[in-house]
Amino acid sequence: MTKITTPTGFECEIDKSIIEDDWEYVEALDAVMSGTPGAMVRLAKTLLSADDYKALKKHCEKDGRTSSAQMQDELIEIVKAASKNS
């Protein structure tokens, strides 16, 4: 497990084997890169544990709503950090 902290202070742990050799991750990342609607949700649920996913949503909450823009920004930072650490 690799601990990741984003620039905004969100902390999570990523199983490095997902980045290194998991087809579901590759498919989710491909969907994001292809601009498929909703692909970021699939990527988040593939990469993060259920608890970290819930924590990320809470971290991105503003005025009672989860900011989709901030969720995307955080996921980009998590993927970059996880890829660098793999």
PDB file of N, CA and C in Angstrom:
ATOM      1  N   MET A   1       0.842  -1.183   0.000  1.00  0.00           N
ATOM      2  CA  MET A   1       0.000   0.000   0.000  1.00  0.00           C
ATOM      3  C   MET A   1       0.886   1.244   0.000  1.00  0.00           C
ATOM      4  N   THR A   2       0.476   2.219  -0.766  1.00  0.00           N
ATOM      5  CA  THR A   2       1.199   3.482  -0.861  1.00  0.00           C
ATOM      6  C   THR A   2       0.308   4.587  -0.325  1.00  0.00           C
ATOM      7  N   LYS A   3       0.826   5.342   0.629  1.00  0.00           N
ATOM      8  CA  LYS A   3       0.076   6.460   1.181  1.00  0.00           C
ATOM      9  C   LYS A   3       0.268   7.670   0.267  1.00  0.00           C
ATOM     10  N   ILE A   4      -0.835   8.322  -0.046  1.00  0.00           N
ATOM     11  CA  ILE A   4      -0.806   9.493  -0.926  1.00  0.00           C
ATOM     12  C   ILE A   4      -1.490  10.649  -0.215  1.00  0.00           C
ATOM     13  N   THR A   5      -0.892  11.812  -0.327  1.00  0.00           N
ATOM     14  CA  THR A   5      -1.495  13.036   0.172  1.00  0.00           C
ATOM     15  C   THR A   5      -1.545  14.023  -0.984  1.00  0.00           C
ATOM     16  N   THR A   6      -2.743  14.511  -1.295  1.00  0.00           N
ATOM     17  CA  THR A   6      -2.894  15.471  -2.386  1.00  0.00           C
ATOM     18  C   THR A   6      -2.511  16.870  -1.902  1.00  0.00           C
ATOM     19  N   PRO A   7      -2.315  17.806  -2.817  1.00  0.00           N
ATOM     20  CA  PRO A   7      -1.970  19.177  -2.417  1.00  0.00           C
ATOM     21  C   PRO A   7      -2.989  19.842  -1.485  1.00  0.00           C
ATOM     22  N   THR A   8      -4.250  19.372  -1.524  1.00  0.00           N
ATOM     23  CA  THR A   8      -5.264  19.961  -0.640  1.00  0.00           C
ATOM     24  C   THR A   8      -5.332  19.259   0.714  1.00  0.00           C
ATOM     25  N   GLY A   9      -4.495  18.232   0.896  1.00  0.00           N
ATOM     26  CA  GLY A   9      -4.425  17.543   2.181  1.00  0.00           C
ATOM     27  C   GLY A   9      -5.219  16.258   2.281  1.00  0.00           C
ATOM     28  N   PHE A  10      -5.885  15.830   1.207  1.00  0.00           N
ATOM     29  CA  PHE A  10      -6.612  14.557   1.256  1.00  0.00           C
ATOM     30  C   PHE A  10      -5.596  13.425   1.299  1.00  0.00           C
ATOM     31  N   GLU A  11      -5.830  12.473   2.217  1.00  0.00           N
ATOM     32  CA  GLU A  11      -4.938  11.327   2.367  1.00  0.00           C
ATOM     33  C   GLU A  11      -5.681  10.041   2.057  1.00  0.00           C
ATOM     34  N   CYS A  12      -5.003   9.149   1.342  1.00  0.00           N
ATOM     35  CA  CYS A  12      -5.571   7.837   1.043  1.00  0.00           C
ATOM     36  C   CYS A  12      -4.419   6.850   0.861  1.00  0.00           C
ATOM     37  N   GLU A  13      -4.784   5.582   0.806  1.00  0.00           N
ATOM     38  CA  GLU A  13      -3.805   4.545   0.521  1.00  0.00           C
ATOM     39  C   GLU A  13      -4.214   3.832  -0.758  1.00  0.00           C
ATOM     40  N   ILE A  14      -3.240   3.628  -1.622  1.00  0.00           N
ATOM     41  CA  ILE A  14      -3.476   2.980  -2.909  1.00  0.00           C
ATOM     42  C   ILE A  14      -2.712   1.663  -2.942  1.00  0.00           C
ATOM     43  N   ASP A  15      -3.380   0.630  -3.376  1.00  0.00           N
ATOM     44  CA  ASP A  15      -2.728  -0.657  -3.593  1.00  0.00           C
ATOM     45  C   ASP A  15      -1.927  -0.537  -4.882  1.00  0.00           C
ATOM     46  N   LYS A  16      -0.601  -0.563  -4.794  1.00  0.00           N
ATOM     47  CA  LYS A  16       0.255  -0.357  -5.963  1.00  0.00           C
ATOM     48  C   LYS A  16      -0.008  -1.362  -7.077  1.00  0.00           C
ATOM     49  N   SER A  17      -0.498  -2.537  -6.728  1.00  0.00           N
ATOM     50  CA  SER A  17      -0.749  -3.544  -7.770  1.00  0.00           C
ATOM     51  C   SER A  17      -1.850  -3.094  -8.728  1.00  0.00           C
ATOM     52  N   ILE A  18      -2.729  -2.199  -8.280  1.00  0.00           N
ATOM     53  CA  ILE A  18      -3.772  -1.681  -9.172  1.00  0.00           C
ATOM     54  C   ILE A  18      -3.134  -0.862 -10.286  1.00  0.00           C
ATOM     55  N   ILE A  19      -2.182  -0.025  -9.937  1.00  0.00           N
ATOM     56  CA  ILE A  19      -1.494   0.814 -10.919  1.00  0.00           C
ATOM     57  C   ILE A  19      -0.608  -0.036 -11.821  1.00  0.00           C
ATOM     58  N   GLU A  20       0.038  -1.035 -11.237  1.00  0.00           N
ATOM     59  CA  GLU A  20       1.034  -1.816 -11.967  1.00  0.00           C
ATOM     60  C   GLU A  20       0.438  -2.884 -12.883  1.00  0.00           C
ATOM     61  N   ASP A  21      -0.693  -3.507 -12.458  1.00  0.00           N
ATOM     62  CA  ASP A  21      -1.181  -4.638 -13.249  1.00  0.00           C
ATOM     63  C   ASP A  21      -2.624  -4.970 -12.933  1.00  0.00           C
ATOM     64  N   ASP A  22      -3.533  -4.052 -13.278  1.00  0.00           N
ATOM     65  CA  ASP A  22      -4.959  -4.293 -13.061  1.00  0.00           C
ATOM     66  C   ASP A  22      -5.720  -3.788 -14.272  1.00  0.00           C
ATOM     67  N   TRP A  23      -6.329  -4.709 -14.999  1.00  0.00           N
ATOM     68  CA  TRP A  23      -7.006  -4.354 -16.242  1.00  0.00           C
ATOM     69  C   TRP A  23      -8.179  -3.412 -16.001  1.00  0.00           C
ATOM     70  N   GLU A  24      -8.899  -3.562 -14.887  1.00  0.00           N
ATOM     71  CA  GLU A  24     -10.014  -2.666 -14.578  1.00  0.00           C
ATOM     72  C   GLU A  24      -9.524  -1.224 -14.477  1.00  0.00           C
ATOM     73  N   TYR A  25      -8.357  -1.032 -13.898  1.00  0.00           N
ATOM     74  CA  TYR A  25      -7.771   0.304 -13.799  1.00  0.00           C
ATOM     75  C   TYR A  25      -7.439   0.842 -15.193  1.00  0.00           C
ATOM     76  N   VAL A  26      -6.853   0.004 -16.032  1.00  0.00           N
ATOM     77  CA  VAL A  26      -6.511   0.417 -17.394  1.00  0.00           C
ATOM     78  C   VAL A  26      -7.769   0.817 -18.160  1.00  0.00           C
ATOM     79  N   GLU A  27      -8.821   0.017 -18.039  1.00  0.00           N
ATOM     80  CA  GLU A  27     -10.076   0.354 -18.714  1.00  0.00           C
ATOM     81  C   GLU A  27     -10.669   1.659 -18.191  1.00  0.00           C
ATOM     82  N   ALA A  28     -10.638   1.841 -16.867  1.00  0.00           N
ATOM     83  CA  ALA A  28     -11.182   3.063 -16.275  1.00  0.00           C
ATOM     84  C   ALA A  28     -10.374   4.279 -16.719  1.00  0.00           C
ATOM     85  N   LEU A  29      -9.074   4.154 -16.734  1.00  0.00           N
ATOM     86  CA  LEU A  29      -8.206   5.254 -17.162  1.00  0.00           C
ATOM     87  C   LEU A  29      -8.426   5.565 -18.641  1.00  0.00           C
ATOM     88  N   ASP A  30      -8.579   4.536 -19.451  1.00  0.00           N
ATOM     89  CA  ASP A  30      -8.857   4.732 -20.871  1.00  0.00           C
ATOM     90  C   ASP A  30     -10.180   5.475 -21.072  1.00  0.00           C
ATOM     91  N   ALA A  31     -11.188   5.121 -20.299  1.00  0.00           N
ATOM     92  CA  ALA A  31     -12.483   5.791 -20.412  1.00  0.00           C
ATOM     93  C   ALA A  31     -12.365   7.266 -20.055  1.00  0.00           C
ATOM     94  N   VAL A  32     -11.568   7.565 -19.038  1.00  0.00           N
ATOM     95  CA  VAL A  32     -11.343   8.965 -18.653  1.00  0.00           C
ATOM     96  C   VAL A  32     -10.641   9.701 -19.788  1.00  0.00           C
ATOM     97  N   MET A  33      -9.592   9.106 -20.312  1.00  0.00           N
ATOM     98  CA  MET A  33      -8.805   9.745 -21.368  1.00  0.00           C
ATOM     99  C   MET A  33      -9.622   9.909 -22.652  1.00  0.00           C
ATOM    100  N   SER A  34     -10.613   9.050 -22.861  1.00  0.00           N
ATOM    101  CA  SER A  34     -11.471   9.126 -24.048  1.00  0.00           C
ATOM    102  C   SER A  34     -12.621  10.102 -23.874  1.00  0.00           C
ATOM    103  N   GLY A  35     -12.765  10.634 -22.667  1.00  0.00           N
ATOM    104  CA  GLY A  35     -13.828  11.598 -22.411  1.00  0.00           C
ATOM    105  C   GLY A  35     -15.195  10.977 -22.174  1.00  0.00           C
ATOM    106  N   THR A  36     -15.227   9.723 -21.800  1.00  0.00           N
ATOM    107  CA  THR A  36     -16.488   9.037 -21.540  1.00  0.00           C
ATOM    108  C   THR A  36     -17.171   9.639 -20.316  1.00  0.00           C
ATOM    109  N   PRO A  37     -18.424  10.057 -20.448  1.00  0.00           N
ATOM    110  CA  PRO A  37     -19.136  10.627 -19.299  1.00  0.00           C
ATOM    111  C   PRO A  37     -19.200   9.633 -18.138  1.00  0.00           C
ATOM    112  N   GLY A  38     -18.952  10.109 -16.954  1.00  0.00           N
ATOM    113  CA  GLY A  38     -19.010   9.265 -15.768  1.00  0.00           C
ATOM    114  C   GLY A  38     -17.778   8.420 -15.533  1.00  0.00           C
ATOM    115  N   ALA A  39     -16.790   8.533 -16.396  1.00  0.00           N
ATOM    116  CA  ALA A  39     -15.608   7.687 -16.279  1.00  0.00           C
ATOM    117  C   ALA A  39     -14.807   7.971 -15.009  1.00  0.00           C
ATOM    118  N   MET A  40     -14.846   9.207 -14.536  1.00  0.00           N
ATOM    119  CA  MET A  40     -14.103   9.538 -13.317  1.00  0.00           C
ATOM    120  C   MET A  40     -14.658   8.774 -12.117  1.00  0.00           C
ATOM    121  N   VAL A  41     -15.959   8.531 -12.113  1.00  0.00           N
ATOM    122  CA  VAL A  41     -16.564   7.754 -11.027  1.00  0.00           C
ATOM    123  C   VAL A  41     -16.003   6.339 -11.047  1.00  0.00           C
ATOM    124  N   ARG A  42     -15.977   5.752 -12.225  1.00  0.00           N
ATOM    125  CA  ARG A  42     -15.439   4.388 -12.369  1.00  0.00           C
ATOM    126  C   ARG A  42     -13.979   4.342 -11.945  1.00  0.00           C
ATOM    127  N   LEU A  43     -13.205   5.336 -12.344  1.00  0.00           N
ATOM    128  CA  LEU A  43     -11.795   5.377 -11.974  1.00  0.00           C
ATOM    129  C   LEU A  43     -11.647   5.477 -10.462  1.00  0.00           C
ATOM    130  N   ALA A  44     -12.421   6.353  -9.843  1.00  0.00           N
ATOM    131  CA  ALA A  44     -12.337   6.532  -8.391  1.00  0.00           C
ATOM    132  C   ALA A  44     -12.671   5.237  -7.661  1.00  0.00           C
ATOM    133  N   LYS A  45     -13.719   4.562  -8.102  1.00  0.00           N
ATOM    134  CA  LYS A  45     -14.131   3.334  -7.424  1.00  0.00           C
ATOM    135  C   LYS A  45     -13.180   2.177  -7.692  1.00  0.00           C
ATOM    136  N   THR A  46     -12.440   2.228  -8.792  1.00  0.00           N
ATOM    137  CA  THR A  46     -11.439   1.203  -9.078  1.00  0.00           C
ATOM    138  C   THR A  46     -10.183   1.434  -8.253  1.00  0.00           C
ATOM    139  N   LEU A  47      -9.805   2.678  -8.112  1.00  0.00           N
ATOM    140  CA  LEU A  47      -8.541   3.034  -7.475  1.00  0.00           C
ATOM    141  C   LEU A  47      -8.628   3.103  -5.960  1.00  0.00           C
ATOM    142  N   LEU A  48      -9.741   3.585  -5.431  1.00  0.00           N
ATOM    143  CA  LEU A  48      -9.861   3.832  -3.998  1.00  0.00           C
ATOM    144  C   LEU A  48     -10.668   2.746  -3.294  1.00  0.00           C
ATOM    145  N   SER A  49     -10.355   2.533  -2.034  1.00  0.00           N
ATOM    146  CA  SER A  49     -11.199   1.651  -1.219  1.00  0.00           C
ATOM    147  C   SER A  49     -12.538   2.351  -1.025  1.00  0.00           C
ATOM    148  N   ALA A  50     -13.536   1.602  -0.613  1.00  0.00           N
ATOM    149  CA  ALA A  50     -14.861   2.192  -0.382  1.00  0.00           C
ATOM    150  C   ALA A  50     -14.783   3.302   0.672  1.00  0.00           C
ATOM    151  N   ASP A  51     -13.987   3.089   1.718  1.00  0.00           N
ATOM    152  CA  ASP A  51     -13.848   4.104   2.767  1.00  0.00           C
ATOM    153  C   ASP A  51     -13.147   5.354   2.251  1.00  0.00           C
ATOM    154  N   ASP A  52     -12.083   5.173   1.457  1.00  0.00           N
ATOM    155  CA  ASP A  52     -11.379   6.336   0.910  1.00  0.00           C
ATOM    156  C   ASP A  52     -12.248   7.078  -0.102  1.00  0.00           C
ATOM    157  N   TYR A  53     -13.070   6.350  -0.848  1.00  0.00           N
ATOM    158  CA  TYR A  53     -13.988   6.984  -1.801  1.00  0.00           C
ATOM    159  C   TYR A  53     -14.975   7.886  -1.055  1.00  0.00           C
ATOM    160  N   LYS A  54     -15.557   7.365   0.018  1.00  0.00           N
ATOM    161  CA  LYS A  54     -16.486   8.164   0.829  1.00  0.00           C
ATOM    162  C   LYS A  54     -15.771   9.368   1.440  1.00  0.00           C
ATOM    163  N   ALA A  55     -14.547   9.152   1.914  1.00  0.00           N
ATOM    164  CA  ALA A  55     -13.775  10.241   2.520  1.00  0.00           C
ATOM    165  C   ALA A  55     -13.449  11.316   1.488  1.00  0.00           C
ATOM    166  N   LEU A  56     -13.150  10.908   0.253  1.00  0.00           N
ATOM    167  CA  LEU A  56     -12.852  11.877  -0.791  1.00  0.00           C
ATOM    168  C   LEU A  56     -14.090  12.714  -1.109  1.00  0.00           C
ATOM    169  N   LYS A  57     -15.239  12.068  -1.179  1.00  0.00           N
ATOM    170  CA  LYS A  57     -16.472  12.815  -1.426  1.00  0.00           C
ATOM    171  C   LYS A  57     -16.714  13.837  -0.322  1.00  0.00           C
ATOM    172  N   LYS A  58     -16.490  13.446   0.909  1.00  0.00           N
ATOM    173  CA  LYS A  58     -16.669  14.368   2.036  1.00  0.00           C
ATOM    174  C   LYS A  58     -15.657  15.505   1.950  1.00  0.00           C
ATOM    175  N   HIS A  59     -14.425  15.170   1.586  1.00  0.00           N
ATOM    176  CA  HIS A  59     -13.359  16.172   1.445  1.00  0.00           C
ATOM    177  C   HIS A  59     -13.720  17.211   0.381  1.00  0.00           C
ATOM    178  N   CYS A  60     -14.439  16.789  -0.637  1.00  0.00           N
ATOM    179  CA  CYS A  60     -14.799  17.665  -1.759  1.00  0.00           C
ATOM    180  C   CYS A  60     -16.172  18.315  -1.594  1.00  0.00           C
ATOM    181  N   GLU A  61     -16.761  18.176  -0.427  1.00  0.00           N
ATOM    182  CA  GLU A  61     -18.095  18.727  -0.200  1.00  0.00           C
ATOM    183  C   GLU A  61     -18.031  20.225   0.073  1.00  0.00           C
ATOM    184  N   LYS A  62     -18.914  20.951  -0.607  1.00  0.00           N
ATOM    185  CA  LYS A  62     -19.054  22.396  -0.422  1.00  0.00           C
ATOM    186  C   LYS A  62     -20.536  22.714  -0.391  1.00  0.00           C
ATOM    187  N   ASP A  63     -20.974  23.392   0.637  1.00  0.00           N
ATOM    188  CA  ASP A  63     -22.371  23.801   0.755  1.00  0.00           C
ATOM    189  C   ASP A  63     -23.338  22.638   0.589  1.00  0.00           C
ATOM    190  N   GLY A  64     -22.988  21.483   1.157  1.00  0.00           N
ATOM    191  CA  GLY A  64     -23.876  20.328   1.109  1.00  0.00           C
ATOM    192  C   GLY A  64     -23.835  19.522  -0.175  1.00  0.00           C
ATOM    193  N   ARG A  65     -22.980  19.897  -1.109  1.00  0.00           N
ATOM    194  CA  ARG A  65     -22.848  19.162  -2.377  1.00  0.00           C
ATOM    195  C   ARG A  65     -21.390  18.772  -2.597  1.00  0.00           C
ATOM    196  N   THR A  66     -21.219  17.639  -3.237  1.00  0.00           N
ATOM    197  CA  THR A  66     -19.873  17.210  -3.590  1.00  0.00           C
ATOM    198  C   THR A  66     -19.489  17.883  -4.896  1.00  0.00           C
ATOM    199  N   SER A  67     -18.411  18.641  -4.869  1.00  0.00           N
ATOM    200  CA  SER A  67     -17.951  19.367  -6.060  1.00  0.00           C
ATOM    201  C   SER A  67     -17.344  18.388  -7.063  1.00  0.00           C
ATOM    202  N   SER A  68     -17.976  18.270  -8.227  1.00  0.00           N
ATOM    203  CA  SER A  68     -17.442  17.362  -9.246  1.00  0.00           C
ATOM    204  C   SER A  68     -16.095  17.853  -9.764  1.00  0.00           C
ATOM    205  N   ALA A  69     -15.928  19.158  -9.861  1.00  0.00           N
ATOM    206  CA  ALA A  69     -14.649  19.703 -10.331  1.00  0.00           C
ATOM    207  C   ALA A  69     -13.531  19.358  -9.351  1.00  0.00           C
ATOM    208  N   GLN A  70     -13.801  19.498  -8.056  1.00  0.00           N
ATOM    209  CA  GLN A  70     -12.765  19.185  -7.075  1.00  0.00           C
ATOM    210  C   GLN A  70     -12.500  17.683  -7.036  1.00  0.00           C
ATOM    211  N   MET A  71     -13.543  16.858  -7.179  1.00  0.00           N
ATOM    212  CA  MET A  71     -13.347  15.408  -7.228  1.00  0.00           C
ATOM    213  C   MET A  71     -12.415  15.048  -8.379  1.00  0.00           C
ATOM    214  N   GLN A  72     -12.649  15.644  -9.540  1.00  0.00           N
ATOM    215  CA  GLN A  72     -11.793  15.363 -10.689  1.00  0.00           C
ATOM    216  C   GLN A  72     -10.365  15.808 -10.432  1.00  0.00           C
ATOM    217  N   ASP A  73     -10.206  17.008  -9.873  1.00  0.00           N
ATOM    218  CA  ASP A  73      -8.856  17.513  -9.579  1.00  0.00           C
ATOM    219  C   ASP A  73      -8.133  16.596  -8.601  1.00  0.00           C
ATOM    220  N   GLU A  74      -8.841  16.163  -7.562  1.00  0.00           N
ATOM    221  CA  GLU A  74      -8.228  15.281  -6.566  1.00  0.00           C
ATOM    222  C   GLU A  74      -7.836  13.946  -7.198  1.00  0.00           C
ATOM    223  N   LEU A  75      -8.713  13.381  -8.023  1.00  0.00           N
ATOM    224  CA  LEU A  75      -8.404  12.106  -8.664  1.00  0.00           C
ATOM    225  C   LEU A  75      -7.197  12.216  -9.588  1.00  0.00           C
ATOM    226  N   ILE A  76      -7.096  13.318 -10.294  1.00  0.00           N
ATOM    227  CA  ILE A  76      -5.922  13.531 -11.151  1.00  0.00           C
ATOM    228  C   ILE A  76      -4.655  13.535 -10.307  1.00  0.00           C
ATOM    229  N   GLU A  77      -4.694  14.224  -9.188  1.00  0.00           N
ATOM    230  CA  GLU A  77      -3.530  14.268  -8.288  1.00  0.00           C
ATOM    231  C   GLU A  77      -3.209  12.888  -7.725  1.00  0.00           C
ATOM    232  N   ILE A  78      -4.243  12.130  -7.371  1.00  0.00           N
ATOM    233  CA  ILE A  78      -4.027  10.782  -6.841  1.00  0.00           C
ATOM    234  C   ILE A  78      -3.406   9.879  -7.890  1.00  0.00           C
ATOM    235  N   VAL A  79      -3.921   9.928  -9.115  1.00  0.00           N
ATOM    236  CA  VAL A  79      -3.373   9.095 -10.196  1.00  0.00           C
ATOM    237  C   VAL A  79      -1.920   9.484 -10.478  1.00  0.00           C
ATOM    238  N   LYS A  80      -1.645  10.781 -10.543  1.00  0.00           N
ATOM    239  CA  LYS A  80      -0.266  11.224 -10.786  1.00  0.00           C
ATOM    240  C   LYS A  80       0.671  10.735  -9.686  1.00  0.00           C
ATOM    241  N   ALA A  81       0.260  10.884  -8.438  1.00  0.00           N
ATOM    242  CA  ALA A  81       1.103  10.455  -7.318  1.00  0.00           C
ATOM    243  C   ALA A  81       1.278   8.948  -7.294  1.00  0.00           C
ATOM    244  N   ALA A  82       0.200   8.208  -7.539  1.00  0.00           N
ATOM    245  CA  ALA A  82       0.270   6.758  -7.543  1.00  0.00           C
ATOM    246  C   ALA A  82       1.151   6.247  -8.678  1.00  0.00           C
ATOM    247  N   SER A  83       1.051   6.872  -9.835  1.00  0.00           N
ATOM    248  CA  SER A  83       1.863   6.463 -10.980  1.00  0.00           C
ATOM    249  C   SER A  83       3.344   6.735 -10.727  1.00  0.00           C
ATOM    250  N   LYS A  84       3.616   7.856 -10.078  1.00  0.00           N
ATOM    251  CA  LYS A  84       4.999   8.208  -9.756  1.00  0.00           C
ATOM    252  C   LYS A  84       5.603   7.227  -8.756  1.00  0.00           C
ATOM    253  N   ASN A  85       4.771   6.721  -7.841  1.00  0.00           N
ATOM    254  CA  ASN A  85       5.239   5.829  -6.804  1.00  0.00           C
ATOM    255  C   ASN A  85       5.245   4.354  -7.205  1.00  0.00           C
ATOM    256  N   SER A  86       4.771   4.045  -8.408  1.00  0.00           N
ATOM    257  CA  SER A  86       4.709   2.631  -8.793  1.00  0.00           C
ATOM    258  C   SER A  86       5.993   2.179  -9.453  1.00  0.00           C
TER     259      SER A  86
END
